[in-house]
All heavy atoms as atom14 arrays in JSON, in Angstrom:
{
  "sequence": "IFLISLKDRTKKELYKKLEEKYQNNNAIKKAIKKLEELGYLNDLD",
  "atom14_mask": [
    [1, 1, 1, 1, 1, 1, 1, 1, 0, 0, 0, 0, 0, 0],
    [1, 1, 1, 1, 1, 1, 1, 1, 1, 1, 1, 0, 0, 0],
    [1, 1, 1, 1, 1, 1, 1, 1, 0, 0, 0, 0, 0, 0],
    [1, 1, 1, 1, 1, 1, 1, 1, 0, 0, 0, 0, 0, 0],
    [1, 1, 1, 1, 1, 1, 0, 0, 0, 0, 0, 0, 0, 0],
    [1, 1, 1, 1, 1, 1, 1, 1, 0, 0, 0, 0, 0, 0],
    [1, 1, 1, 1, 1, 1, 1, 1, 1, 0, 0, 0, 0, 0],
    [1, 1, 1, 1, 1, 1, 1, 1, 0, 0, 0, 0, 0, 0],
    [1, 1, 1, 1, 1, 1, 1, 1, 1, 1, 1, 0, 0, 0],
    [1, 1, 1, 1, 1, 1, 1, 0, 0, 0, 0, 0, 0, 0],
    [1, 1, 1, 1, 1, 1, 1, 1, 1, 0, 0, 0, 0, 0],
    [1, 1, 1, 1, 1, 1, 1, 1, 1, 0, 0, 0, 0, 0],
    [1, 1, 1, 1, 1, 1, 1, 1, 1, 0, 0, 0, 0, 0],
    [1, 1, 1, 1, 1, 1, 1, 1, 0, 0, 0, 0, 0, 0],
    [1, 1, 1, 1, 1, 1, 1, 1, 1, 1, 1, 1, 0, 0],
    [1, 1, 1, 1, 1, 1, 1, 1, 1, 0, 0, 0, 0, 0],
    [1, 1, 1, 1, 1, 1, 1, 1, 1, 0, 0, 0, 0, 0],
    [1, 1, 1, 1, 1, 1, 1, 1, 0, 0, 0, 0, 0, 0],
    [1, 1, 1, 1, 1, 1, 1, 1, 1, 0, 0, 0, 0, 0],
    [1, 1, 1, 1, 1, 1, 1, 1, 1, 0, 0, 0, 0, 0],
    [1, 1, 1, 1, 1, 1, 1, 1, 1, 0, 0, 0, 0, 0],
    [1, 1, 1, 1, 1, 1, 1, 1, 1, 1, 1, 1, 0, 0],
    [1, 1, 1, 1, 1, 1, 1, 1, 1, 0, 0, 0, 0, 0],
    [1, 1, 1, 1, 1, 1, 1, 1, 0, 0, 0, 0, 0, 0],
    [1, 1, 1, 1, 1, 1, 1, 1, 0, 0, 0, 0, 0, 0],
    [1, 1, 1, 1, 1, 1, 1, 1, 0, 0, 0, 0, 0, 0],
    [1, 1, 1, 1, 1, 0, 0, 0, 0, 0, 0, 0, 0, 0],
    [1, 1, 1, 1, 1, 1, 1, 1, 0, 0, 0, 0, 0, 0],
    [1, 1, 1, 1, 1, 1, 1, 1, 1, 0, 0, 0, 0, 0],
    [1, 1, 1, 1, 1, 1, 1, 1, 1, 0, 0, 0, 0, 0],
    [1, 1, 1, 1, 1, 0, 0, 0, 0, 0, 0, 0, 0, 0],
    [1, 1, 1, 1, 1, 1, 1, 1, 0, 0, 0, 0, 0, 0],
    [1, 1, 1, 1, 1, 1, 1, 1, 1, 0, 0, 0, 0, 0],
    [1, 1, 1, 1, 1, 1, 1, 1, 1, 0, 0, 0, 0, 0],
    [1, 1, 1, 1, 1, 1, 1, 1, 0, 0, 0, 0, 0, 0],
    [1, 1, 1, 1, 1, 1, 1, 1, 1, 0, 0, 0, 0, 0],
    [1, 1, 1, 1, 1, 1, 1, 1, 1, 0, 0, 0, 0, 0],
    [1, 1, 1, 1, 1, 1, 1, 1, 0, 0, 0, 0, 0, 0],
    [1, 1, 1, 1, 0, 0, 0, 0, 0, 0, 0, 0, 0, 0],
    [1, 1, 1, 1, 1, 1, 1, 1, 1, 1, 1, 1, 0, 0],
    [1, 1, 1, 1, 1, 1, 1, 1, 0, 0, 0, 0, 0, 0],
    [1, 1, 1, 1, 1, 1, 1, 1, 0, 0, 0, 0, 0, 0],
    [1, 1, 1, 1, 1, 1, 1, 1, 0, 0, 0, 0, 0, 0],
    [1, 1, 1, 1, 1, 1, 1, 1, 0, 0, 0, 0, 0, 0],
    [1, 1, 1, 1, 1, 1, 1, 1, 0, 0, 0, 0, 0, 0]
  ],
  "atom14_positions": [
    [[57.14, 126.28, -40.6], [58.37, 126.79, -39.96], [59.56, 126.62, -40.89], [60.39, 127.51, -41.04], [58.61, 126.09, -38.61], [57.52, 126.51, -37.61], [59.99, 126.44, -38.06], [57.58, 125.72, -36.3], [0.0, 0.0, 0.0], [0.0, 0.0, 0.0], [0.0, 0.0, 0.0], [0.0, 0.0, 0.0], [0.0, 0.0, 0.0], [0.0, 0.0, 0.0]],
    [[59.61, 125.46, -41.54], [60.71, 125.2, -42.48], [60.68, 126.17, -43.66], [61.7, 126.76, -44.03], [60.62, 123.76, -42.98], [61.59, 123.46, -44.14], [62.95, 123.36, -43.89], [61.11, 123.3, -45.43], [63.82, 123.1, -44.93], [61.97, 123.04, -46.46], [63.34, 122.93, -46.22], [0.0, 0.0, 0.0], [0.0, 0.0, 0.0], [0.0, 0.0, 0.0]],
    [[59.49, 126.38, -44.24], [59.37, 127.27, -45.41], [59.71, 128.72, -45.05], [60.36, 129.43, -45.82], [57.94, 127.21, -45.95], [57.56, 125.89, -46.66], [56.06, 125.84, -46.97], [58.37, 125.71, -47.95], [0.0, 0.0, 0.0], [0.0, 0.0, 0.0], [0.0, 0.0, 0.0], [0.0, 0.0, 0.0], [0.0, 0.0, 0.0], [0.0, 0.0, 0.0]],
    [[59.31, 129.15, -43.86], [59.62, 130.51, -43.42], [61.1, 130.67, -43.15], [61.7, 131.75, -43.33], [58.79, 130.88, -42.16], [57.31, 130.99, -42.53], [59.25, 132.21, -41.56], [56.39, 131.1, -41.33], [0.0, 0.0, 0.0], [0.0, 0.0, 0.0], [0.0, 0.0, 0.0], [0.0, 0.0, 0.0], [0.0, 0.0, 0.0], [0.0, 0.0, 0.0]],
    [[61.76, 129.58, -42.73], [63.21, 129.65, -42.46], [63.99, 129.85, -43.77], [65.1, 130.37, -43.76], [63.68, 128.37, -41.75], [63.7, 127.26, -42.64], [0.0, 0.0, 0.0], [0.0, 0.0, 0.0], [0.0, 0.0, 0.0], [0.0, 0.0, 0.0], [0.0, 0.0, 0.0], [0.0, 0.0, 0.0], [0.0, 0.0, 0.0], [0.0, 0.0, 0.0]],
    [[63.41, 129.44, -44.88], [64.07, 129.6, -46.17], [63.97, 131.02, -46.69], [64.91, 131.56, -47.26], [63.44, 128.63, -47.21], [63.59, 127.14, -46.94], [62.9, 126.35, -48.02], [65.07, 126.74, -46.84], [0.0, 0.0, 0.0], [0.0, 0.0, 0.0], [0.0, 0.0, 0.0], [0.0, 0.0, 0.0], [0.0, 0.0, 0.0], [0.0, 0.0, 0.0]],
    [[62.8, 131.66, -46.48], [62.59, 133.05, -46.91], [61.34, 133.59, -46.23], [60.44, 132.82, -45.88], [62.44, 133.15, -48.43], [61.27, 132.37, -48.99], [61.08, 132.58, -50.47], [60.48, 133.92, -50.77], [60.06, 134.06, -52.2], [0.0, 0.0, 0.0], [0.0, 0.0, 0.0], [0.0, 0.0, 0.0], [0.0, 0.0, 0.0], [0.0, 0.0, 0.0]],
    [[61.3, 134.9, -46.04], [60.11, 135.54, -45.48], [58.95, 135.34, -46.44], [59.1, 135.46, -47.66], [60.35, 137.01, -45.24], [61.3, 137.28, -44.09], [61.45, 136.38, -43.23], [61.9, 138.37, -44.03], [0.0, 0.0, 0.0], [0.0, 0.0, 0.0], [0.0, 0.0, 0.0], [0.0, 0.0, 0.0], [0.0, 0.0, 0.0], [0.0, 0.0, 0.0]],
    [[57.78, 135.11, -45.86], [56.58, 134.92, -46.68], [55.39, 135.62, -46.02], [55.34, 135.79, -44.81], [56.24, 133.42, -46.84], [57.35, 132.61, -47.52], [57.03, 131.14, -47.51], [58.21, 130.34, -47.86], [58.54, 130.0, -49.08], [57.8, 130.38, -50.1], [59.64, 129.3, -49.34], [0.0, 0.0, 0.0], [0.0, 0.0, 0.0], [0.0, 0.0, 0.0]],
    [[54.42, 136.0, -46.86], [53.16, 136.54, -46.34], [52.27, 135.37, -45.97], [52.52, 134.21, -46.33], [52.45, 137.4, -47.39], [52.03, 136.56, -48.46], [53.39, 138.48, -47.91], [0.0, 0.0, 0.0], [0.0, 0.0, 0.0], [0.0, 0.0, 0.0], [0.0, 0.0, 0.0], [0.0, 0.0, 0.0], [0.0, 0.0, 0.0], [0.0, 0.0, 0.0]],
    [[51.17, 135.66, -45.27], [50.2, 134.63, -44.91], [49.68, 133.93, -46.16], [49.57, 132.71, -46.21], [49.05, 135.2, -44.1], [49.4, 135.51, -42.67], [48.15, 135.8, -41.83], [47.52, 137.08, -42.22], [46.35, 137.41, -41.35], [0.0, 0.0, 0.0], [0.0, 0.0, 0.0], [0.0, 0.0, 0.0], [0.0, 0.0, 0.0], [0.0, 0.0, 0.0]],
    [[49.34, 134.74, -47.18], [48.78, 134.19, -48.4], [49.78, 133.28, -49.11], [49.44, 132.18, -49.57], [48.36, 135.31, -49.34], [47.73, 134.82, -50.65], [47.35, 136.01, -51.54], [46.77, 135.52, -52.87], [46.41, 136.64, -53.75], [0.0, 0.0, 0.0], [0.0, 0.0, 0.0], [0.0, 0.0, 0.0], [0.0, 0.0, 0.0], [0.0, 0.0, 0.0]],
    [[51.04, 133.72, -49.18], [52.09, 132.92, -49.83], [52.28, 131.6, -49.12], [52.42, 130.55, -49.74], [53.39, 133.72, -49.88], [53.38, 134.87, -50.87], [54.64, 135.7, -50.81], [55.27, 135.78, -49.74], [55.0, 136.31, -51.83], [0.0, 0.0, 0.0], [0.0, 0.0, 0.0], [0.0, 0.0, 0.0], [0.0, 0.0, 0.0], [0.0, 0.0, 0.0]],
    [[52.33, 131.64, -47.79], [52.54, 130.41, -47.03], [51.35, 129.48, -47.18], [51.51, 128.27, -47.33], [52.78, 130.75, -45.56], [53.12, 129.52, -44.69], [54.39, 128.85, -45.16], [53.25, 129.92, -43.22], [0.0, 0.0, 0.0], [0.0, 0.0, 0.0], [0.0, 0.0, 0.0], [0.0, 0.0, 0.0], [0.0, 0.0, 0.0], [0.0, 0.0, 0.0]],
    [[50.14, 130.05, -47.15], [48.93, 129.22, -47.3], [48.99, 128.46, -48.64], [48.69, 127.27, -48.69], [47.69, 130.09, -47.23], [46.4, 129.31, -47.19], [45.85, 128.88, -45.99], [45.74, 128.92, -48.36], [44.68, 128.14, -45.95], [44.58, 128.17, -48.33], [44.06, 127.79, -47.12], [42.89, 127.04, -47.09], [0.0, 0.0, 0.0], [0.0, 0.0, 0.0]],
    [[49.35, 129.17, -49.7], [49.42, 128.53, -51.01], [50.45, 127.4, -51.04], [50.24, 126.35, -51.64], [49.76, 129.56, -52.09], [48.6, 130.45, -52.49], [48.97, 131.34, -53.66], [47.76, 132.09, -54.19], [48.09, 132.92, -55.37], [0.0, 0.0, 0.0], [0.0, 0.0, 0.0], [0.0, 0.0, 0.0], [0.0, 0.0, 0.0], [0.0, 0.0, 0.0]],
    [[51.6, 127.62, -50.4], [52.64, 126.6, -50.33], [52.17, 125.37, -49.58], [52.4, 124.23, -49.98], [53.91, 127.19, -49.67], [54.77, 127.99, -50.59], [55.46, 127.1, -51.59], [56.43, 127.85, -52.48], [57.04, 126.96, -53.5], [0.0, 0.0, 0.0], [0.0, 0.0, 0.0], [0.0, 0.0, 0.0], [0.0, 0.0, 0.0], [0.0, 0.0, 0.0]],
    [[51.49, 125.59, -48.45], [51.01, 124.48, -47.65], [49.9, 123.72, -48.34], [49.75, 122.51, -48.18], [50.57, 124.98, -46.26], [51.67, 125.51, -45.35], [51.09, 126.04, -44.04], [52.72, 124.42, -45.06], [0.0, 0.0, 0.0], [0.0, 0.0, 0.0], [0.0, 0.0, 0.0], [0.0, 0.0, 0.0], [0.0, 0.0, 0.0], [0.0, 0.0, 0.0]],
    [[49.11, 124.44, -49.12], [48.03, 123.8, -49.89], [48.59, 122.79, -50.88], [47.9, 121.83, -51.24], [47.25, 124.87, -50.67], [45.97, 125.3, -49.99], [45.08, 126.11, -50.93], [45.65, 126.85, -51.75], [43.87, 126.02, -50.82], [0.0, 0.0, 0.0], [0.0, 0.0, 0.0], [0.0, 0.0, 0.0], [0.0, 0.0, 0.0], [0.0, 0.0, 0.0]],
    [[49.84, 123.03, -51.33], [50.46, 122.09, -52.27], [50.83, 120.78, -51.6], [51.01, 119.74, -52.25], [51.72, 122.73, -52.87], [51.44, 123.97, -53.72], [52.72, 124.66, -54.14], [53.81, 124.14, -53.83], [52.66, 125.74, -54.75], [0.0, 0.0, 0.0], [0.0, 0.0, 0.0], [0.0, 0.0, 0.0], [0.0, 0.0, 0.0], [0.0, 0.0, 0.0]],
    [[50.96, 120.83, -50.25], [51.43, 119.65, -49.5], [50.33, 118.94, -48.72], [50.46, 117.76, -48.41], [52.53, 120.08, -48.5], [53.7, 120.85, -49.12], [54.52, 119.95, -50.02], [55.74, 120.7, -50.57], [56.55, 119.83, -51.47], [0.0, 0.0, 0.0], [0.0, 0.0, 0.0], [0.0, 0.0, 0.0], [0.0, 0.0, 0.0], [0.0, 0.0, 0.0]],
    [[49.26, 119.7, -48.38], [48.23, 119.12, -47.51], [46.83, 119.49, -48.01], [46.62, 120.56, -48.57], [48.39, 119.65, -46.08], [49.8, 119.45, -45.56], [50.72, 120.5, -45.6], [50.23, 118.22, -45.09], [52.03, 120.31, -45.18], [51.54, 118.03, -44.66], [52.44, 119.08, -44.72], [53.72, 118.89, -44.33], [0.0, 0.0, 0.0], [0.0, 0.0, 0.0]],
    [[45.89, 118.57, -47.83], [44.52, 118.78, -48.28], [43.58, 119.23, -47.16], [42.46, 119.62, -47.42], [43.99, 117.49, -48.95], [44.68, 117.16, -50.23], [44.1, 115.91, -50.91], [43.05, 115.41, -50.51], [44.79, 115.4, -51.91], [0.0, 0.0, 0.0], [0.0, 0.0, 0.0], [0.0, 0.0, 0.0], [0.0, 0.0, 0.0], [0.0, 0.0, 0.0]],
    [[44.03, 119.17, -45.94], [43.21, 119.52, -44.8], [43.28, 121.04, -44.58], [44.16, 121.54, -43.9], [43.68, 118.78, -43.55], [42.73, 118.89, -42.37], [42.08, 119.93, -42.22], [42.66, 117.86, -41.56], [0.0, 0.0, 0.0], [0.0, 0.0, 0.0], [0.0, 0.0, 0.0], [0.0, 0.0, 0.0], [0.0, 0.0, 0.0], [0.0, 0.0, 0.0]],
    [[42.34, 121.79, -45.15], [42.39, 123.25, -45.09], [42.28, 123.8, -43.67], [42.88, 124.8, -43.31], [41.26, 123.84, -45.95], [41.54, 123.72, -47.43], [42.69, 123.71, -47.87], [40.49, 123.55, -48.24], [0.0, 0.0, 0.0], [0.0, 0.0, 0.0], [0.0, 0.0, 0.0], [0.0, 0.0, 0.0], [0.0, 0.0, 0.0], [0.0, 0.0, 0.0]],
    [[41.46, 123.15, -42.85], [41.32, 123.58, -41.45], [42.66, 123.44, -40.7], [43.01, 124.3, -39.89], [40.25, 122.77, -40.74], [38.84, 123.17, -41.19], [38.63, 124.31, -41.64], [37.9, 122.24, -41.1], [0.0, 0.0, 0.0], [0.0, 0.0, 0.0], [0.0, 0.0, 0.0], [0.0, 0.0, 0.0], [0.0, 0.0, 0.0], [0.0, 0.0, 0.0]],
    [[43.38, 122.38, -40.99], [44.69, 122.16, -40.37], [45.68, 123.25, -40.82], [46.47, 123.75, -40.02], [45.22, 120.78, -40.7], [0.0, 0.0, 0.0], [0.0, 0.0, 0.0], [0.0, 0.0, 0.0], [0.0, 0.0, 0.0], [0.0, 0.0, 0.0], [0.0, 0.0, 0.0], [0.0, 0.0, 0.0], [0.0, 0.0, 0.0], [0.0, 0.0, 0.0]],
    [[45.61, 123.61, -42.1], [46.5, 124.64, -42.63], [46.2, 125.98, -41.95], [47.11, 126.68, -41.52], [46.34, 124.76, -44.16], [46.85, 123.51, -44.85], [47.11, 125.98, -44.67], [46.57, 123.46, -46.34], [0.0, 0.0, 0.0], [0.0, 0.0, 0.0], [0.0, 0.0, 0.0], [0.0, 0.0, 0.0], [0.0, 0.0, 0.0], [0.0, 0.0, 0.0]],
    [[44.92, 126.34, -41.87], [44.54, 127.6, -41.22], [44.97, 127.64, -39.75], [45.43, 128.64, -39.24], [43.01, 127.8, -41.33], [42.54, 128.07, -42.74], [41.02, 128.13, -42.79], [40.54, 128.36, -44.23], [39.06, 128.34, -44.32], [0.0, 0.0, 0.0], [0.0, 0.0, 0.0], [0.0, 0.0, 0.0], [0.0, 0.0, 0.0], [0.0, 0.0, 0.0]],
    [[44.8, 126.5, -39.07], [45.19, 126.42, -37.66], [46.7, 126.58, -37.51], [47.19, 127.24, -36.61], [44.76, 125.06, -37.1], [44.99, 124.91, -35.61], [44.49, 123.52, -35.15], [44.81, 123.3, -33.67], [44.4, 121.94, -33.24], [0.0, 0.0, 0.0], [0.0, 0.0, 0.0], [0.0, 0.0, 0.0], [0.0, 0.0, 0.0], [0.0, 0.0, 0.0]],
    [[47.47, 125.98, -38.43], [48.92, 126.08, -38.4], [49.37, 127.51, -38.64], [50.27, 128.02, -37.95], [49.54, 125.15, -39.44], [0.0, 0.0, 0.0], [0.0, 0.0, 0.0], [0.0, 0.0, 0.0], [0.0, 0.0, 0.0], [0.0, 0.0, 0.0], [0.0, 0.0, 0.0], [0.0, 0.0, 0.0], [0.0, 0.0, 0.0], [0.0, 0.0, 0.0]],
    [[48.75, 128.18, -39.6], [49.08, 129.58, -39.9], [48.77, 130.48, -38.7], [49.56, 131.37, -38.36], [48.36, 130.06, -41.16], [49.04, 129.43, -42.39], [48.37, 131.59, -41.27], [48.4, 129.73, -43.7], [0.0, 0.0, 0.0], [0.0, 0.0, 0.0], [0.0, 0.0, 0.0], [0.0, 0.0, 0.0], [0.0, 0.0, 0.0], [0.0, 0.0, 0.0]],
    [[47.64, 130.25, -38.09], [47.28, 131.04, -36.88], [48.28, 130.84, -35.78], [48.71, 131.79, -35.11], [45.89, 130.61, -36.4], [45.37, 131.45, -35.23], [43.97, 131.05, -34.82], [43.49, 131.9, -33.65], [42.14, 131.49, -33.2], [0.0, 0.0, 0.0], [0.0, 0.0, 0.0], [0.0, 0.0, 0.0], [0.0, 0.0, 0.0], [0.0, 0.0, 0.0]],
    [[48.75, 129.6, -35.59], [49.76, 129.3, -34.57], [51.07, 129.98, -34.9], [51.76, 130.52, -33.99], [49.97, 127.79, -34.47], [50.86, 127.37, -33.28], [50.22, 127.74, -31.97], [51.04, 127.25, -30.79], [50.45, 127.61, -29.48], [0.0, 0.0, 0.0], [0.0, 0.0, 0.0], [0.0, 0.0, 0.0], [0.0, 0.0, 0.0], [0.0, 0.0, 0.0]],
    [[51.46, 130.0, -36.16], [52.71, 130.64, -36.57], [52.64, 132.15, -36.35], [53.66, 132.77, -35.99], [52.99, 130.36, -38.05], [53.41, 128.9, -38.37], [53.38, 128.65, -39.86], [54.78, 128.6, -37.8], [0.0, 0.0, 0.0], [0.0, 0.0, 0.0], [0.0, 0.0, 0.0], [0.0, 0.0, 0.0], [0.0, 0.0, 0.0], [0.0, 0.0, 0.0]],
    [[51.45, 132.74, -36.51], [51.26, 134.16, -36.2], [51.44, 134.39, -34.7], [52.11, 135.33, -34.28], [49.87, 134.62, -36.64], [49.74, 134.82, -38.12], [48.39, 135.4, -38.49], [47.4, 134.67, -38.49], [48.34, 136.62, -38.76], [0.0, 0.0, 0.0], [0.0, 0.0, 0.0], [0.0, 0.0, 0.0], [0.0, 0.0, 0.0], [0.0, 0.0, 0.0]],
    [[50.84, 133.54, -33.91], [50.94, 133.68, -32.43], [52.37, 133.53, -31.95], [52.81, 134.21, -31.02], [50.06, 132.59, -31.74], [48.56, 132.8, -31.95], [47.75, 131.61, -31.43], [48.37, 130.64, -30.94], [46.49, 131.66, -31.51], [0.0, 0.0, 0.0], [0.0, 0.0, 0.0], [0.0, 0.0, 0.0], [0.0, 0.0, 0.0], [0.0, 0.0, 0.0]],
    [[53.13, 132.66, -32.62], [54.53, 132.43, -32.22], [55.47, 133.52, -32.75], [56.64, 133.54, -32.42], [54.98, 131.04, -32.73], [54.29, 129.83, -32.08], [54.67, 128.56, -32.83], [54.67, 129.72, -30.61], [0.0, 0.0, 0.0], [0.0, 0.0, 0.0], [0.0, 0.0, 0.0], [0.0, 0.0, 0.0], [0.0, 0.0, 0.0], [0.0, 0.0, 0.0]],
    [[54.94, 134.38, -33.66], [55.77, 135.46, -34.21], [56.54, 135.1, -35.46], [57.35, 135.88, -35.95], [0.0, 0.0, 0.0], [0.0, 0.0, 0.0], [0.0, 0.0, 0.0], [0.0, 0.0, 0.0], [0.0, 0.0, 0.0], [0.0, 0.0, 0.0], [0.0, 0.0, 0.0], [0.0, 0.0, 0.0], [0.0, 0.0, 0.0], [0.0, 0.0, 0.0]],
    [[56.29, 133.9, -35.99], [56.98, 133.49, -37.22], [56.4, 134.19, -38.44], [57.08, 134.37, -39.46], [56.87, 131.97, -37.43], [57.75, 131.14, -36.55], [57.24, 130.51, -35.41], [59.11, 130.96, -36.84], [58.04, 129.74, -34.58], [59.91, 130.17, -36.03], [59.38, 129.56, -34.91], [60.19, 128.8, -34.1], [0.0, 0.0, 0.0], [0.0, 0.0, 0.0]],
    [[55.13, 134.58, -38.36], [54.41, 135.1, -39.51], [53.75, 136.4, -39.13], [52.95, 136.48, -38.19], [53.34, 134.07, -39.91], [52.79, 134.06, -41.32], [53.92, 133.94, -42.37], [51.8, 132.95, -41.49], [0.0, 0.0, 0.0], [0.0, 0.0, 0.0], [0.0, 0.0, 0.0], [0.0, 0.0, 0.0], [0.0, 0.0, 0.0], [0.0, 0.0, 0.0]],
    [[54.11, 137.5, -39.85], [53.58, 138.81, -39.51], [53.57, 139.67, -40.77], [54.63, 140.08, -41.25], [54.43, 139.45, -38.41], [53.81, 140.75, -37.9], [53.48, 141.63, -38.67], [53.68, 140.84, -36.58], [0.0, 0.0, 0.0], [0.0, 0.0, 0.0], [0.0, 0.0, 0.0], [0.0, 0.0, 0.0], [0.0, 0.0, 0.0], [0.0, 0.0, 0.0]],
    [[52.39, 139.92, -41.32], [52.31, 140.69, -42.57], [52.78, 142.13, -42.41], [53.28, 142.74, -43.37], [50.87, 140.67, -43.11], [50.59, 139.37, -43.88], [51.5, 138.55, -44.05], [49.41, 139.19, -44.31], [0.0, 0.0, 0.0], [0.0, 0.0, 0.0], [0.0, 0.0, 0.0], [0.0, 0.0, 0.0], [0.0, 0.0, 0.0], [0.0, 0.0, 0.0]],
    [[52.63, 142.7, -41.22], [53.1, 144.06, -40.99], [54.65, 144.11, -41.04], [55.22, 144.96, -41.72], [52.61, 144.6, -39.64], [53.1, 146.0, -39.26], [52.69, 147.03, -40.32], [52.57, 146.4, -37.89], [0.0, 0.0, 0.0], [0.0, 0.0, 0.0], [0.0, 0.0, 0.0], [0.0, 0.0, 0.0], [0.0, 0.0, 0.0], [0.0, 0.0, 0.0]],
    [[55.29, 143.18, -40.33], [56.74, 143.12, -40.36], [57.27, 142.84, -41.78], [58.27, 143.4, -42.2], [57.25, 142.0, -39.42], [57.11, 142.39, -37.95], [56.86, 143.58, -37.67], [57.22, 141.5, -37.09], [0.0, 0.0, 0.0], [0.0, 0.0, 0.0], [0.0, 0.0, 0.0], [0.0, 0.0, 0.0], [0.0, 0.0, 0.0], [0.0, 0.0, 0.0]]
  ]
}
């Protein structure tokens, strides 16, 4: 949420950024899915 507030990002870009901070890939994927559901992340938009 913090990273998206700084600038718009694609799913891939956000995943790469989160990978730099966390090693739990399943947690990252789950977080990205939640951000999509909440409308924070949308590759079409």
